[in-house]
Amino acid sequence: MAKQQRPTTTLGKTADYLDQRTTIGVLVKEFARKVFPEHWSFMLGEIALFSFVVLIASGFFLTMFFEPSMALVRYEGEHPASMHGQLMSAAFASTVDMSFEVRGGLLMRQIHHWSALIFVGSIVVHMFRIFFTGAFRKPRELNWIIGLTMLILALAAGFSGYSLPDDVLSGNGLRIIDGVVKSIPVIGSGMSFVVFGGEFPGGYIIPRLFTLHIFVIPALLIVLISLHLFLMVLQKHTQYPGGGRTDKNVVGYPAAPVYVAKMTGNFFIIAGVLTLMGATLSINNVWNYGPYDPSPVSAGTQPDWYILFVDGALRLMPGPGWEWVIGGFTLSMNLLIPAVILPGILFTLLFAWPFLEARVTGDHREHHVLNRPRNRPVRTGVGVALFVAFMVCALAATNDLIATHFSLDIFAITWALRVLFFVGPVFAFWVTKRVCLGLQRKDRELVLHGHESGRIVRFANGEYVEVHAPLEEEERWLRVNYDSPAPLEIQPAMDARGVRRKGYKSDRRWQRLSQLFYEDRVTPVTPAELEAAHSHGQHDEIEATEEIEATERTGAGAAGGRRKR
């Protein structure tokens, strides 16, 4: 019996030691064989993941110097000179001290802040990519829910970290949150008292936010990221449509060594860029704002970009007439609608979208090939409409800056944005839907007739035609290999005995919603249509003649070459 070979290198011995005690080799082998498709948009998720790694590393450094206390102290540091001797909270004092007295502290603060902005931004863009391409369809509904939950946690992490320095800007943000919490009917005042540990600003909000920011939210994010990646590997990766790509295969490269090397390089690029941004782009200079004081209200300042839509919605909402007293309870609808109801409707719609689309489509198959956005006009239109609504709210959050920089009336700007908030998304939806349908019709024309070549041919009878260049097989596959769902068909209202069918009203509502999604559609070219389009009579004779002439020229050239030799 042959003697078993034992590893000789340190790495080999370590791997063998672990494998004998954990059988991790089976898992590594399975993962190494996993095939991943190639497309630049798949890196958006990697950007979010690696930004989170940088966040954890820089946050660990900052935690060692930050004091999460609202106790009042006098700042005794030398820098900046304007802060010396001022009365402030220990949280603000430790933030300023960290920025000027700790070696590398300001760099780490700015890397941490930029990483948070990129982290949330990459999640948002990644979710848009998933939404537009239909990557949330079966069997990935759970991963879509996990992704949305991670987005909400990322927003909470960003806001809680943004509020920790206890400066004027973050304090005003907490003041707005206090108002929003108090606007919740019946329980709002009690919730505010519990959250802040008394009347605003209380004495406990900074320690509580600190606990959430460094323990609770990161732990939840790590669990959800692990589950997200596990499901992605378990269900295999989605891929863009193309030649030979189906729901039963994955066209790409193995995880090891190709994607492991790419991901490693990508991590160092992202970490390097974030470090460069932290070193050269100043952000959140809290000493310019000063410690929080409830009396002043800053102007010309905005929160981080991911909270702009809430701030803008609050500015767009009219004030007078929107506070109602019912049964002794005051309903502050000017806060409740933009800050609670609208975000609640938005995220409820997003959470329910995979199940809503499956219901109106009647399609419960597994999908691993992505949609081209043009082939789902309504879904693409809804995504663009949401983006336009976000941009309108973001502009509303800067209405004071627009007014001062361009010498415009702030009330006129606000009213214009109010109208645009309702008109803009509807117009964007309609334009996007028409563009998608137009692109689908263009695809049909290309498949049936080919690309325009610019060559005009005249027949003996005087007819002029343009010779079209046929599509390559892969290009044709891309434009014909997709589903075009039709609106749902339902049973009639009356059964065979003339009795009204139970559940007809519910079925009819779903059918109407399905008609909204799929009534306007362009079906892909069928093989029969393609064969009929290619039977052009005299047009085919042109192509056949050209092929014969080309063959004859090639044969003559080869014969001449032989004669010369």
Protein backbone atom coordinates (compact mmCIF):
# COMPACT_ATOMS: atom_id res chain seq x y z
CA MET A 1 0.00 0.00 0.00
CA ALA A 2 1.38 3.37 -1.06
CA LYS A 3 2.31 5.69 1.74
CA GLN A 4 0.15 8.83 1.92
CA GLN A 5 1.95 12.01 0.94
CA ARG A 6 2.13 14.59 3.72
CA PRO A 7 2.43 18.35 3.04
CA THR A 8 5.86 19.85 3.58
CA THR A 9 5.22 23.60 3.46
CA THR A 10 3.89 25.66 6.39
CA LEU A 11 0.76 26.65 4.45
CA GLY A 12 0.16 23.06 3.40
CA LYS A 13 0.56 21.77 6.95
CA THR A 14 -1.85 24.41 8.26
CA ALA A 15 -4.44 23.57 5.60
CA ASP A 16 -4.07 19.84 6.31
CA TYR A 17 -4.42 20.43 10.07
CA LEU A 18 -7.66 22.38 9.58
CA ASP A 19 -9.04 19.94 7.02
CA GLN A 20 -8.55 16.93 9.28
CA ARG A 21 -10.45 18.64 12.11
CA THR A 22 -13.13 20.59 10.23
CA THR A 23 -13.32 18.98 6.73
CA ILE A 24 -13.11 22.53 5.42
CA GLY A 25 -11.42 21.20 2.29
CA VAL A 26 -14.78 20.01 0.95
CA LEU A 27 -16.23 23.50 1.30
CA VAL A 28 -13.18 25.15 -0.24
CA LYS A 29 -13.23 22.71 -3.15
CA GLU A 30 -16.91 23.30 -3.78
CA PHE A 31 -16.51 27.08 -3.64
CA ALA A 32 -13.43 27.01 -5.89
CA ARG A 33 -15.45 25.26 -8.59
CA LYS A 34 -18.28 27.77 -8.37
CA VAL A 35 -18.68 29.62 -11.67
CA PHE A 36 -19.35 33.37 -11.65
CA PRO A 37 -20.42 35.34 -14.73
CA GLU A 38 -18.49 38.39 -15.86
CA HIS A 39 -20.02 41.89 -15.90
CA TRP A 40 -18.91 45.20 -14.44
CA SER A 41 -22.23 45.81 -12.65
CA PHE A 42 -21.66 42.75 -10.43
CA MET A 43 -18.84 44.73 -8.79
CA LEU A 44 -21.37 47.12 -7.20
CA GLY A 45 -22.07 44.56 -4.49
CA GLU A 46 -18.34 44.12 -3.95
CA ILE A 47 -17.94 47.88 -3.49
CA ALA A 48 -20.59 47.78 -0.75
CA LEU A 49 -18.94 44.79 0.92
CA PHE A 50 -15.41 46.21 0.87
CA SER A 51 -16.59 49.67 1.96
CA PHE A 52 -18.17 47.95 4.95
CA VAL A 53 -14.83 46.28 5.75
CA VAL A 54 -13.12 49.70 5.68
CA LEU A 55 -15.91 51.07 7.87
CA ILE A 56 -15.37 48.37 10.48
CA ALA A 57 -11.58 48.88 10.50
CA SER A 58 -11.69 52.67 10.74
CA GLY A 59 -14.57 52.56 13.24
CA PHE A 60 -12.56 50.27 15.51
CA PHE A 61 -9.79 52.91 15.59
CA LEU A 62 -12.21 55.76 16.33
CA THR A 63 -13.97 53.84 19.11
CA MET A 64 -10.79 53.82 21.17
CA PHE A 65 -10.74 57.65 21.38
CA PHE A 66 -14.42 58.64 21.36
CA GLU A 67 -16.23 59.33 24.65
CA PRO A 68 -20.00 58.75 24.26
CA SER A 69 -21.13 61.10 27.02
CA MET A 70 -23.30 64.22 27.13
CA ALA A 71 -21.66 65.47 30.34
CA LEU A 72 -20.56 69.09 30.00
CA VAL A 73 -16.82 69.81 29.99
CA ARG A 74 -14.56 72.69 29.03
CA TYR A 75 -12.30 72.04 26.08
CA GLU A 76 -8.64 72.52 26.98
CA GLY A 77 -7.01 71.44 23.72
CA GLU A 78 -4.69 73.77 21.82
CA HIS A 79 -6.36 73.25 18.43
CA PRO A 80 -8.45 74.79 17.15
CA ALA A 81 -7.87 77.98 19.07
CA SER A 82 -11.52 79.05 18.67
CA MET A 83 -12.66 76.04 20.68
CA HIS A 84 -10.31 76.57 23.65
CA GLY A 85 -12.22 77.09 26.89
CA GLN A 86 -15.68 76.53 25.41
CA LEU A 87 -18.32 74.57 27.30
CA MET A 88 -19.35 71.46 25.36
CA SER A 89 -20.36 67.84 25.74
CA ALA A 90 -17.68 65.23 26.31
CA ALA A 91 -18.71 63.62 22.99
CA PHE A 92 -17.97 66.82 21.04
CA ALA A 93 -14.75 67.45 22.98
CA SER A 94 -13.46 63.94 22.26
CA THR A 95 -14.32 64.38 18.57
CA VAL A 96 -12.34 67.61 18.32
CA ASP A 97 -9.49 66.15 20.36
CA MET A 98 -9.46 63.07 18.12
CA SER A 99 -9.25 65.29 15.04
CA PHE A 100 -6.34 67.49 16.23
CA GLU A 101 -4.48 65.70 19.00
CA VAL A 102 -4.57 62.01 18.00
CA ARG A 103 -2.06 61.03 15.33
CA GLY A 104 -4.02 60.00 12.25
CA GLY A 105 -7.33 60.73 13.97
CA LEU A 106 -8.64 63.23 11.43
CA LEU A 107 -7.63 60.95 8.55
CA MET A 108 -9.50 58.03 10.12
CA ARG A 109 -12.56 60.18 10.78
CA GLN A 110 -12.71 61.28 7.17
CA ILE A 111 -12.05 57.78 5.81
CA HIS A 112 -14.86 56.50 8.04
CA HIS A 113 -17.27 59.17 6.85
CA TRP A 114 -16.47 58.72 3.16
CA SER A 115 -16.73 54.94 3.56
CA ALA A 116 -20.22 55.36 5.02
CA LEU A 117 -21.32 57.50 2.08
CA ILE A 118 -19.90 55.05 -0.48
CA PHE A 119 -21.34 52.09 1.44
CA VAL A 120 -24.90 53.42 1.32
CA GLY A 121 -24.47 54.67 -2.25
CA SER A 122 -23.21 51.34 -3.56
CA ILE A 123 -26.09 49.51 -1.86
CA VAL A 124 -28.61 51.87 -3.49
CA VAL A 125 -27.07 51.51 -6.97
CA HIS A 126 -26.75 47.74 -6.46
CA MET A 127 -30.45 47.53 -5.54
CA PHE A 128 -31.37 49.60 -8.61
CA ARG A 129 -29.41 47.14 -10.78
CA ILE A 130 -31.26 44.23 -9.20
CA PHE A 131 -34.62 45.97 -9.63
CA PHE A 132 -34.15 46.97 -13.27
CA THR A 133 -32.87 43.53 -14.34
CA GLY A 134 -35.37 41.45 -12.36
CA ALA A 135 -32.73 39.71 -10.25
CA PHE A 136 -35.28 39.58 -7.39
CA ARG A 137 -37.44 36.95 -9.11
CA LYS A 138 -37.77 33.38 -7.87
CA PRO A 139 -35.72 31.96 -6.16
CA ARG A 140 -34.16 35.24 -4.93
CA GLU A 141 -37.10 36.94 -3.21
CA LEU A 142 -35.54 36.29 0.21
CA ASN A 143 -32.24 37.83 -0.88
CA TRP A 144 -34.13 40.92 -2.11
CA ILE A 145 -35.75 41.28 1.33
CA ILE A 146 -32.35 40.83 3.00
CA GLY A 147 -30.85 43.50 0.73
CA LEU A 148 -33.60 46.00 1.53
CA THR A 149 -33.21 45.29 5.24
CA MET A 150 -29.47 45.93 4.93
CA LEU A 151 -30.24 49.24 3.18
CA ILE A 152 -32.47 50.31 6.09
CA LEU A 153 -29.77 49.27 8.58
CA ALA A 154 -27.15 51.16 6.56
CA LEU A 155 -29.32 54.31 6.72
CA ALA A 156 -29.71 53.81 10.48
CA ALA A 157 -25.96 53.26 10.89
CA GLY A 158 -25.18 56.37 8.87
CA PHE A 159 -27.58 58.59 10.78
CA SER A 160 -26.56 57.28 14.20
CA GLY A 161 -22.86 57.81 13.43
CA TYR A 162 -23.56 61.23 11.94
CA SER A 163 -25.25 62.26 15.21
CA LEU A 164 -22.51 61.09 17.60
CA PRO A 165 -20.24 64.22 17.52
CA ASP A 166 -23.08 66.26 19.14
CA ASP A 167 -22.38 69.36 17.05
CA VAL A 168 -24.90 71.96 15.90
CA LEU A 169 -25.59 70.22 12.58
CA SER A 170 -26.18 66.75 14.00
CA GLY A 171 -28.09 68.21 16.94
CA ASN A 172 -30.54 69.90 14.57
CA GLY A 173 -30.98 66.54 12.83
CA LEU A 174 -31.86 64.96 16.17
CA ARG A 175 -34.27 67.81 16.82
CA ILE A 176 -36.07 66.90 13.57
CA ILE A 177 -36.15 63.22 14.59
CA ASP A 178 -37.64 64.26 17.92
CA GLY A 179 -40.41 66.12 16.10
CA VAL A 180 -41.06 63.16 13.80
CA VAL A 181 -41.29 60.74 16.73
CA LYS A 182 -43.67 63.07 18.56
CA SER A 183 -45.89 63.29 15.47
CA ILE A 184 -46.77 59.57 15.76
CA PRO A 185 -50.36 59.44 17.06
CA VAL A 186 -51.06 58.46 20.67
CA ILE A 187 -47.62 57.05 21.51
CA GLY A 188 -45.35 59.72 20.00
CA SER A 189 -44.73 61.83 23.11
CA GLY A 190 -44.01 58.81 25.28
CA MET A 191 -41.67 57.35 22.65
CA SER A 192 -39.69 60.59 22.48
CA PHE A 193 -39.37 60.66 26.26
CA VAL A 194 -38.08 57.07 26.28
CA VAL A 195 -35.69 57.52 23.34
CA PHE A 196 -34.06 60.71 24.66
CA GLY A 197 -34.27 59.84 28.35
CA GLY A 198 -36.40 62.88 29.13
CA GLU A 199 -37.30 66.07 27.30
CA PHE A 200 -35.13 66.74 24.26
CA PRO A 201 -32.15 66.65 24.14
CA GLY A 202 -32.12 64.58 27.35
CA GLY A 203 -28.93 63.09 28.66
CA TYR A 204 -28.83 59.59 27.16
CA ILE A 205 -29.28 59.85 23.40
CA ILE A 206 -25.54 59.91 22.54
CA PRO A 207 -24.65 56.78 24.62
CA ARG A 208 -27.67 54.97 23.18
CA LEU A 209 -26.80 55.91 19.60
CA PHE A 210 -23.21 54.85 20.27
CA THR A 211 -24.36 51.40 21.42
CA LEU A 212 -26.55 51.02 18.34
CA HIS A 213 -23.84 52.32 16.03
CA ILE A 214 -20.93 50.14 17.11
CA PHE A 215 -22.65 46.99 18.43
CA VAL A 216 -26.22 46.34 17.36
CA ILE A 217 -26.33 47.58 13.77
CA PRO A 218 -22.90 46.23 12.69
CA ALA A 219 -23.74 42.83 14.20
CA LEU A 220 -27.03 42.69 12.30
CA LEU A 221 -25.29 43.80 9.10
CA ILE A 222 -22.60 41.12 9.43
CA VAL A 223 -25.26 38.43 9.92
CA LEU A 224 -27.30 39.63 6.94
CA ILE A 225 -24.25 40.03 4.69
CA SER A 226 -23.18 36.46 5.53
CA LEU A 227 -26.67 35.16 4.81
CA HIS A 228 -26.82 37.20 1.59
CA LEU A 229 -23.52 35.76 0.32
CA PHE A 230 -24.49 32.23 1.39
CA LEU A 231 -27.74 32.40 -0.57
CA MET A 232 -25.95 33.87 -3.59
CA VAL A 233 -23.52 30.92 -3.66
CA LEU A 234 -26.28 28.40 -2.92
CA GLN A 235 -28.62 29.64 -5.66
CA LYS A 236 -25.84 30.35 -8.21
CA HIS A 237 -25.23 33.81 -9.64
CA THR A 238 -27.54 35.53 -12.09
CA GLN A 239 -26.20 36.36 -15.55
CA TYR A 240 -27.06 38.77 -18.32
CA PRO A 241 -28.78 37.39 -21.44
CA GLY A 242 -26.58 36.37 -24.33
CA GLY A 243 -25.65 33.53 -26.62
CA GLY A 244 -25.79 30.15 -24.90
CA ARG A 245 -26.91 31.53 -21.53
CA THR A 246 -29.98 29.87 -20.07
CA ASP A 247 -31.61 29.34 -16.69
CA LYS A 248 -29.86 25.96 -16.45
CA ASN A 249 -26.23 27.06 -16.81
CA VAL A 250 -23.78 29.79 -15.84
CA VAL A 251 -21.27 31.12 -18.35
CA GLY A 252 -18.22 32.58 -16.63
CA TYR A 253 -15.06 31.81 -14.72
CA PRO A 254 -14.42 29.73 -11.56
CA ALA A 255 -14.12 31.44 -8.21
CA ALA A 256 -10.56 30.24 -7.70
CA PRO A 257 -8.20 31.49 -8.82
CA VAL A 258 -9.85 33.99 -11.19
CA TYR A 259 -12.43 35.73 -9.03
CA VAL A 260 -10.49 35.42 -5.78
CA ALA A 261 -7.66 37.36 -7.44
CA LYS A 262 -10.05 39.92 -8.91
CA MET A 263 -11.85 40.48 -5.62
CA THR A 264 -8.58 40.84 -3.74
CA GLY A 265 -7.37 43.47 -6.18
CA ASN A 266 -10.75 45.18 -6.06
CA PHE A 267 -10.58 45.40 -2.27
CA PHE A 268 -7.19 47.12 -2.31
CA ILE A 269 -8.36 49.54 -5.01
CA ILE A 270 -11.47 50.49 -3.01
CA ALA A 271 -9.52 50.82 0.24
CA GLY A 272 -6.91 52.94 -1.54
CA VAL A 273 -9.48 55.23 -3.11
CA LEU A 274 -11.29 55.72 0.22
CA THR A 275 -7.95 56.50 1.91
CA LEU A 276 -7.14 59.01 -0.82
CA MET A 277 -10.56 60.65 -0.40
CA GLY A 278 -10.09 60.82 3.36
CA ALA A 279 -6.66 62.40 2.95
CA THR A 280 -7.61 65.02 0.34
CA LEU A 281 -11.35 65.74 0.64
CA SER A 282 -12.37 67.45 3.87
CA ILE A 283 -15.75 66.42 5.27
CA ASN A 284 -17.77 66.96 8.46
CA ASN A 285 -15.51 69.56 10.08
CA VAL A 286 -17.55 69.76 13.26
CA TRP A 287 -15.37 72.48 14.84
CA ASN A 288 -16.71 74.89 12.21
CA TYR A 289 -20.26 74.30 13.47
CA GLY A 290 -19.55 74.29 17.19
CA PRO A 291 -21.07 72.20 20.00
CA TYR A 292 -24.80 71.64 19.98
CA ASP A 293 -26.91 74.44 21.37
CA PRO A 294 -30.72 74.24 21.01
CA SER A 295 -31.04 78.01 20.48
CA PRO A 296 -29.32 78.56 17.08
CA VAL A 297 -30.59 76.97 13.87
CA SER A 298 -28.04 76.68 11.10
CA ALA A 299 -28.87 77.71 7.52
CA GLY A 300 -27.30 76.55 4.29
CA THR A 301 -26.50 73.08 5.63
CA GLN A 302 -27.86 69.69 4.65
CA PRO A 303 -27.53 66.17 6.04
CA ASP A 304 -25.67 63.41 4.20
CA TRP A 305 -27.09 62.65 0.76
CA TYR A 306 -29.05 59.54 1.75
CA ILE A 307 -31.21 61.56 4.18
CA LEU A 308 -31.81 64.39 1.71
CA PHE A 309 -35.10 62.93 0.50
CA VAL A 310 -36.60 63.04 4.01
CA ASP A 311 -35.35 66.59 4.63
CA GLY A 312 -36.64 67.69 1.22
CA ALA A 313 -40.04 66.07 1.76
CA LEU A 314 -40.35 67.92 5.09
CA ARG A 315 -39.58 71.23 3.36
CA LEU A 316 -42.10 70.58 0.59
CA MET A 317 -44.93 69.72 2.97
CA PRO A 318 -47.19 72.73 3.74
CA GLY A 319 -47.35 73.75 7.40
CA PRO A 320 -50.54 75.74 8.18
CA GLY A 321 -53.72 73.69 8.23
CA TRP A 322 -52.00 70.34 8.53
CA GLU A 323 -52.13 69.99 12.32
CA TRP A 324 -55.41 68.36 13.29
CA VAL A 325 -56.75 67.85 16.83
CA ILE A 326 -58.86 64.69 17.05
CA GLY A 327 -60.11 63.37 20.39
CA GLY A 328 -57.65 65.51 22.29
CA PHE A 329 -54.68 64.21 20.25
CA THR A 330 -52.76 66.47 17.87
CA LEU A 331 -51.92 64.95 14.49
CA SER A 332 -48.99 66.80 12.95
CA MET A 333 -49.57 65.65 9.40
CA ASN A 334 -46.93 68.08 8.12
CA LEU A 335 -44.38 65.80 9.84
CA LEU A 336 -46.17 62.46 9.77
CA ILE A 337 -46.83 62.35 6.00
CA PRO A 338 -43.35 63.19 4.62
CA ALA A 339 -41.23 61.50 7.32
CA VAL A 340 -43.27 58.43 8.28
CA ILE A 341 -46.07 57.66 5.81
CA LEU A 342 -44.23 58.26 2.51
CA PRO A 343 -41.07 56.28 3.46
CA GLY A 344 -43.32 53.56 4.86
CA ILE A 345 -45.25 53.31 1.58
CA LEU A 346 -42.00 53.32 -0.42
CA PHE A 347 -40.33 50.48 1.48
CA THR A 348 -43.56 48.47 1.72
CA LEU A 349 -43.88 48.66 -2.08
CA LEU A 350 -40.25 47.61 -2.54
CA PHE A 351 -40.54 44.68 -0.11
CA ALA A 352 -43.72 43.47 -1.83
CA TRP A 353 -42.57 44.04 -5.43
CA PRO A 354 -41.19 40.51 -6.20
CA PHE A 355 -44.43 38.90 -5.00
CA LEU A 356 -46.57 41.55 -6.70
CA GLU A 357 -44.84 41.05 -10.05
CA ALA A 358 -45.04 37.26 -9.79
CA ARG A 359 -48.77 37.56 -9.08
CA VAL A 360 -49.63 39.82 -12.00
CA THR A 361 -47.38 37.80 -14.32
CA GLY A 362 -48.57 34.38 -13.23
CA ASP A 363 -44.97 33.24 -13.55
CA HIS A 364 -43.61 31.11 -10.71
CA ARG A 365 -40.64 29.53 -12.50
CA GLU A 366 -37.02 29.90 -11.42
CA HIS A 367 -35.11 32.63 -13.25
CA HIS A 368 -31.33 32.90 -13.45
CA VAL A 369 -31.03 34.96 -16.65
CA LEU A 370 -31.64 38.66 -16.10
CA ASN A 371 -34.08 40.86 -17.99
CA ARG A 372 -32.99 43.64 -20.26
CA PRO A 373 -34.70 46.70 -18.74
CA ARG A 374 -36.29 47.56 -22.09
CA ASN A 375 -38.19 44.25 -22.02
CA ARG A 376 -40.00 45.23 -18.79
CA PRO A 377 -41.25 48.76 -19.58
CA VAL A 378 -43.51 49.23 -16.52
CA ARG A 379 -40.93 48.02 -14.02
CA THR A 380 -38.25 50.20 -15.61
CA GLY A 381 -40.63 53.16 -15.65
CA VAL A 382 -41.43 52.72 -11.96
CA GLY A 383 -37.72 52.63 -11.11
CA VAL A 384 -37.02 55.82 -13.06
CA ALA A 385 -40.08 57.50 -11.47
CA LEU A 386 -38.77 56.68 -7.98
CA PHE A 387 -35.37 58.09 -8.91
CA VAL A 388 -36.96 61.33 -10.17
CA ALA A 389 -39.01 61.67 -6.97
CA PHE A 390 -35.81 61.22 -4.94
CA MET A 391 -34.00 63.88 -6.97
CA VAL A 392 -36.89 66.35 -6.56
CA CYS A 393 -36.80 65.85 -2.77
CA ALA A 394 -33.00 66.21 -2.79
CA LEU A 395 -33.35 69.53 -4.63
CA ALA A 396 -36.00 70.61 -2.13
CA ALA A 397 -33.51 69.96 0.68
CA THR A 398 -31.26 72.58 -0.93
CA ASN A 399 -33.97 75.15 -1.70
CA ASP A 400 -32.30 77.78 0.50
CA LEU A 401 -28.96 77.35 -1.27
CA ILE A 402 -30.63 77.51 -4.69
CA ALA A 403 -32.39 80.73 -3.64
CA THR A 404 -29.23 82.45 -2.37
CA HIS A 405 -26.89 81.29 -5.16
CA PHE A 406 -29.24 82.14 -8.03
CA SER A 407 -31.08 85.09 -6.42
CA LEU A 408 -34.47 83.38 -6.67
CA ASP A 409 -37.57 83.50 -4.48
CA ILE A 410 -37.46 80.55 -2.07
CA PHE A 411 -41.27 80.32 -2.04
CA ALA A 412 -41.41 80.14 -5.83
CA ILE A 413 -38.75 77.39 -5.76
CA THR A 414 -40.71 75.45 -3.14
CA TRP A 415 -43.97 75.66 -5.09
CA ALA A 416 -42.27 74.66 -8.33
CA LEU A 417 -40.76 71.62 -6.62
CA ARG A 418 -44.12 70.74 -5.06
CA VAL A 419 -45.69 70.59 -8.51
CA LEU A 420 -42.68 68.74 -9.90
CA PHE A 421 -42.89 66.15 -7.11
CA PHE A 422 -46.27 65.01 -8.46
CA VAL A 423 -45.80 65.70 -12.18
CA GLY A 424 -42.15 64.69 -12.61
CA PRO A 425 -42.40 60.98 -11.65
CA VAL A 426 -45.54 60.50 -13.77
CA PHE A 427 -43.90 62.15 -16.80
CA ALA A 428 -40.69 60.15 -16.23
CA PHE A 429 -42.70 56.91 -16.05
CA TRP A 430 -44.54 57.68 -19.29
CA VAL A 431 -41.39 58.69 -21.19
CA THR A 432 -39.42 55.67 -19.92
CA LYS A 433 -42.19 53.27 -20.86
CA ARG A 434 -42.47 54.71 -24.38
CA VAL A 435 -38.68 54.59 -24.83
CA CYS A 436 -38.59 50.93 -23.73
CA LEU A 437 -41.37 50.00 -26.14
CA GLY A 438 -39.60 51.89 -28.92
CA LEU A 439 -36.37 50.02 -28.23
CA GLN A 440 -38.25 46.72 -28.36
CA ARG A 441 -39.73 47.63 -31.75
CA LYS A 442 -36.25 48.56 -32.95
CA ASP A 443 -35.03 45.12 -31.84
CA ARG A 444 -37.81 43.48 -33.87
CA GLU A 445 -36.84 45.46 -36.95
CA LEU A 446 -33.18 44.49 -36.56
CA VAL A 447 -34.00 40.79 -36.17
CA LEU A 448 -36.38 40.74 -39.13
CA HIS A 449 -34.44 42.94 -41.54
CA GLY A 450 -30.88 43.25 -40.21
CA HIS A 451 -28.65 46.30 -39.97
CA GLU A 452 -28.83 49.03 -42.57
CA SER A 453 -25.75 48.77 -44.78
CA GLY A 454 -26.13 51.93 -46.84
CA ARG A 455 -25.89 49.93 -50.13
CA ILE A 456 -28.66 50.66 -52.62
CA VAL A 457 -29.36 48.11 -55.38
CA ARG A 458 -31.53 48.64 -58.45
CA PHE A 459 -33.44 45.75 -60.03
CA ALA A 460 -34.11 45.38 -63.75
CA ASN A 461 -37.71 46.54 -63.22
CA GLY A 462 -36.46 49.83 -61.76
CA GLU A 463 -37.09 48.99 -58.09
CA TYR A 464 -34.52 50.29 -55.59
CA VAL A 465 -33.84 48.39 -52.38
CA GLU A 466 -31.29 48.67 -49.61
CA VAL A 467 -29.28 45.55 -48.85
CA HIS A 468 -29.37 44.86 -45.10
CA ALA A 469 -26.57 43.09 -43.23
CA PRO A 470 -27.91 40.09 -41.26
CA LEU A 471 -27.40 39.88 -37.49
CA GLU A 472 -24.89 37.51 -35.98
CA GLU A 473 -26.30 34.55 -34.07
CA GLU A 474 -25.41 35.90 -30.63
CA GLU A 475 -26.85 39.33 -31.40
CA ARG A 476 -30.07 37.73 -32.66
CA TRP A 477 -30.26 35.51 -29.55
CA LEU A 478 -30.08 38.57 -27.31
CA ARG A 479 -33.05 40.20 -29.08
CA VAL A 480 -35.39 37.22 -29.33
CA ASN A 481 -34.67 35.04 -26.29
CA TYR A 482 -36.92 36.66 -23.67
CA ASP A 483 -40.42 36.30 -22.31
CA SER A 484 -43.14 38.83 -23.00
CA PRO A 485 -45.92 38.12 -20.48
CA ALA A 486 -49.50 38.73 -21.51
CA PRO A 487 -52.13 40.10 -19.11
CA LEU A 488 -53.73 37.52 -16.84
CA GLU A 489 -56.72 35.61 -18.13
CA ILE A 490 -59.45 34.86 -15.60
CA GLN A 491 -62.60 32.76 -15.50
CA PRO A 492 -65.88 34.54 -16.41
CA ALA A 493 -68.00 36.14 -13.72
CA MET A 494 -70.80 33.55 -14.11
CA ASP A 495 -70.30 29.80 -14.02
CA ALA A 496 -72.07 27.33 -16.31
CA ARG A 497 -75.19 27.44 -14.13
CA GLY A 498 -75.44 31.22 -14.23
CA VAL A 499 -74.26 31.66 -10.63
CA ARG A 500 -71.82 34.46 -9.91
CA ARG A 501 -68.40 32.94 -9.27
CA LYS A 502 -66.86 33.44 -5.84
CA GLY A 503 -63.62 35.40 -5.96
CA TYR A 504 -64.36 37.05 -9.30
CA LYS A 505 -63.91 40.58 -7.94
CA SER A 506 -60.46 39.75 -6.55
CA ASP A 507 -59.44 38.09 -9.82
CA ARG A 508 -60.71 41.07 -11.77
CA ARG A 509 -58.62 43.49 -9.67
CA TRP A 510 -55.49 41.42 -10.28
CA GLN A 511 -56.32 41.27 -13.99
CA ARG A 512 -56.59 45.05 -14.20
CA LEU A 513 -53.25 45.43 -12.46
CA SER A 514 -51.78 42.87 -14.86
CA GLN A 515 -53.15 44.87 -17.79
CA LEU A 516 -51.41 47.95 -16.43
CA PHE A 517 -48.14 45.99 -16.47
CA TYR A 518 -48.40 44.08 -19.73
CA GLU A 519 -51.19 45.43 -21.95
CA ASP A 520 -48.69 47.53 -23.93
CA ARG A 521 -46.08 45.04 -25.06
CA VAL A 522 -43.99 44.04 -28.04
CA THR A 523 -43.66 40.29 -28.47
CA PRO A 524 -40.29 38.83 -29.50
CA VAL A 525 -39.81 37.60 -33.06
CA THR A 526 -40.89 33.99 -33.55
CA PRO A 527 -39.00 31.50 -35.76
CA ALA A 528 -41.90 31.57 -38.24
CA GLU A 529 -41.73 35.37 -38.51
CA LEU A 530 -37.97 35.23 -38.96
CA GLU A 531 -38.24 32.64 -41.72
CA ALA A 532 -40.93 34.66 -43.50
CA ALA A 533 -38.88 37.84 -43.27
CA HIS A 534 -35.86 36.12 -44.81
CA SER A 535 -37.89 34.88 -47.80
CA HIS A 536 -37.53 38.01 -49.90
CA GLY A 537 -37.43 36.55 -53.41
CA GLN A 538 -35.30 38.94 -55.42
CA HIS A 539 -33.67 40.24 -52.24
CA ASP A 540 -32.36 36.74 -51.49
CA GLU A 541 -31.06 36.53 -55.04
CA ILE A 542 -28.86 39.57 -54.33
CA GLU A 543 -27.30 37.88 -51.31
CA ALA A 544 -26.88 34.57 -53.20
CA THR A 545 -25.26 36.35 -56.15
CA GLU A 546 -22.89 38.21 -53.84
CA GLU A 547 -21.88 34.95 -52.14
CA ILE A 548 -21.23 33.26 -55.53
CA GLU A 549 -19.19 36.22 -56.78
CA ALA A 550 -17.15 36.28 -53.55
CA THR A 551 -16.51 32.53 -53.86
CA GLU A 552 -15.46 32.90 -57.50
CA ARG A 553 -13.09 35.76 -56.61
CA THR A 554 -11.56 33.68 -53.82
CA GLY A 555 -11.15 30.68 -56.15
CA ALA A 556 -9.59 32.79 -58.89
CA GLY A 557 -7.16 34.33 -56.43
CA ALA A 558 -6.12 30.92 -55.17
CA ALA A 559 -5.61 29.62 -58.72
CA GLY A 560 -3.49 32.64 -59.62
CA GLY A 561 -1.41 32.04 -56.55
CA ARG A 562 -0.81 28.43 -57.56
CA ARG A 563 0.19 29.50 -61.10
CA LYS A 564 2.70 32.00 -59.70
CA ARG A 565 4.27 29.31 -57.53
